[in-house]
């Protein structure tokens, strides 16, 4: 069978990414980020238990701009994963499944995550 003249399947660049798809991908990414953060946290705890010299090295790294950026990312990951988890718990009760409600709750999760992260970083 010849492929000439047959329509091509639409590509991802044609479709508009809905907020729900973006949040689904972001939820998975923040889960991975939280797992990596847990490993860093365990290394930090080990450096405390081992000696002052390794702890000083970890503290120096975490107080640098890259360390602060990583901590900010983990903080956002935590709050996003928390807010989106609450959203999924509400869905488990059978509520908020209309398209408009799903889109609104997605924006609420995103805005709440940013606000909680900013509020946390402002207060520390």
Protein backbone atom coordinates (compact mmCIF):
# COMPACT_ATOMS: atom_id res chain seq x y z
CA UNK A 1 0.00 0.00 0.00
CA UNK A 2 1.39 3.39 -1.00
CA UNK A 3 1.85 6.06 1.67
CA UNK A 4 1.63 8.90 -0.81
CA UNK A 5 -1.45 11.05 -0.54
CA UNK A 6 -2.34 9.76 2.92
CA UNK A 7 -2.78 12.33 5.69
CA UNK A 8 -0.08 12.48 8.35
CA UNK A 9 -0.94 12.11 11.99
CA UNK A 10 -0.88 15.46 13.83
CA UNK A 11 2.31 16.18 15.72
CA UNK A 12 2.64 17.46 19.27
CA UNK A 13 3.50 20.92 17.99
CA UNK A 14 -0.01 21.24 16.55
CA UNK A 15 -1.81 20.51 19.79
CA UNK A 16 -2.13 23.02 22.61
CA UNK A 17 -0.78 21.63 25.87
CA UNK A 18 -3.63 21.74 28.37
CA UNK A 19 -2.80 22.72 31.94
CA UNK A 20 -3.83 19.27 33.16
CA UNK A 21 -1.24 17.56 30.98
CA UNK A 22 1.42 20.00 32.15
CA UNK A 23 0.55 19.35 35.80
CA UNK A 24 0.61 15.60 35.27
CA UNK A 25 4.14 15.79 33.85
CA UNK A 26 5.20 18.24 36.57
CA UNK A 27 3.80 15.92 39.26
CA UNK A 28 6.05 13.12 38.05
CA UNK A 29 9.06 15.43 37.78
CA UNK A 30 8.57 16.77 41.30
CA UNK A 31 8.30 13.20 42.59
CA UNK A 32 11.71 12.45 41.12
CA UNK A 33 13.10 15.73 42.50
CA UNK A 34 11.82 14.84 45.97
CA UNK A 35 13.51 11.44 45.73
CA UNK A 36 16.83 13.07 44.82
CA UNK A 37 16.30 15.57 47.64
CA UNK A 38 15.80 12.73 50.09
CA UNK A 39 19.17 11.27 49.07
CA UNK A 40 20.84 14.66 49.61
CA UNK A 41 19.09 14.94 52.99
CA UNK A 42 20.42 11.52 54.05
CA UNK A 43 23.93 12.55 52.98
CA UNK A 44 23.55 15.71 55.07
CA UNK A 45 22.49 13.63 58.09
CA UNK A 46 25.44 11.30 57.58
CA UNK A 47 27.80 14.27 57.42
CA UNK A 48 26.46 15.47 60.78
CA UNK A 49 26.94 12.05 62.37
CA UNK A 50 30.38 11.47 60.89
CA UNK A 51 32.44 14.55 61.71
CA UNK A 52 32.52 18.32 61.51
CA UNK A 53 34.65 18.43 58.35
CA UNK A 54 32.15 16.63 56.04
CA UNK A 55 29.29 18.65 57.53
CA UNK A 56 31.16 21.87 56.80
CA UNK A 57 31.61 20.78 53.17
CA UNK A 58 27.90 20.01 52.75
CA UNK A 59 26.95 23.28 54.46
CA UNK A 60 29.25 25.19 52.12
CA UNK A 61 27.69 23.58 49.06
CA UNK A 62 24.14 24.20 50.29
CA UNK A 63 24.83 27.82 51.11
CA UNK A 64 26.19 28.52 47.61
CA UNK A 65 23.89 29.85 44.91
CA UNK A 66 23.54 26.40 43.30
CA UNK A 67 22.70 24.85 46.66
CA UNK A 68 20.13 27.54 47.36
CA UNK A 69 18.62 26.98 43.92
CA UNK A 70 18.38 23.24 44.62
CA UNK A 71 16.73 23.92 48.00
CA UNK A 72 14.25 26.27 46.33
CA UNK A 73 13.45 23.61 43.73
CA UNK A 74 12.93 20.96 46.41
CA UNK A 75 10.75 23.33 48.37
CA UNK A 76 8.57 23.99 45.31
CA UNK A 77 8.51 20.26 44.56
CA UNK A 78 7.28 19.53 48.07
CA UNK A 79 4.50 22.12 48.02
CA UNK A 80 3.43 21.23 44.47
CA UNK A 81 3.33 17.52 45.23
CA UNK A 82 1.37 18.25 48.41
CA UNK A 83 -1.21 20.49 46.71
CA UNK A 84 -1.62 18.18 43.73
CA UNK A 85 -1.95 15.22 46.10
CA UNK A 86 -4.80 16.99 47.90
CA UNK A 87 -6.40 17.62 44.51
CA UNK A 88 -6.19 13.91 43.73
CA UNK A 89 -7.70 13.08 47.13
CA UNK A 90 -10.66 15.31 46.28
CA UNK A 91 -10.97 13.49 42.96
CA UNK A 92 -11.03 10.17 44.85
CA UNK A 93 -14.27 11.33 46.45
CA UNK A 94 -15.80 11.73 42.97
CA UNK A 95 -15.87 15.53 42.99
CA UNK A 96 -14.56 18.23 40.61
CA UNK A 97 -14.49 16.13 37.44
CA UNK A 98 -16.13 18.66 35.13
CA UNK A 99 -13.70 20.11 32.58
CA UNK A 100 -14.01 23.65 33.93
CA UNK A 101 -13.50 22.45 37.52
CA UNK A 102 -10.48 20.35 36.54
CA UNK A 103 -8.85 23.32 34.81
CA UNK A 104 -9.64 25.67 37.70
CA UNK A 105 -8.26 23.26 40.29
CA UNK A 106 -5.11 22.86 38.19
CA UNK A 107 -4.49 26.61 38.21
CA UNK A 108 -5.27 26.74 41.95
CA UNK A 109 -2.68 24.01 42.60
CA UNK A 110 -0.05 25.84 40.57
CA UNK A 111 -0.72 29.24 42.16
CA UNK A 112 -0.92 27.75 45.67
CA UNK A 113 2.39 25.93 45.17
CA UNK A 114 4.14 29.10 44.06
CA UNK A 115 2.56 31.12 46.89
CA UNK A 116 3.47 28.54 49.56
CA UNK A 117 7.04 28.33 48.27
CA UNK A 118 7.40 32.11 48.20
CA UNK A 119 5.81 32.43 51.64
CA UNK A 120 8.18 29.85 53.08
CA UNK A 121 11.29 31.47 51.57
CA UNK A 122 10.21 34.93 52.70
CA UNK A 123 9.77 33.81 56.30
CA UNK A 124 13.12 32.00 56.64
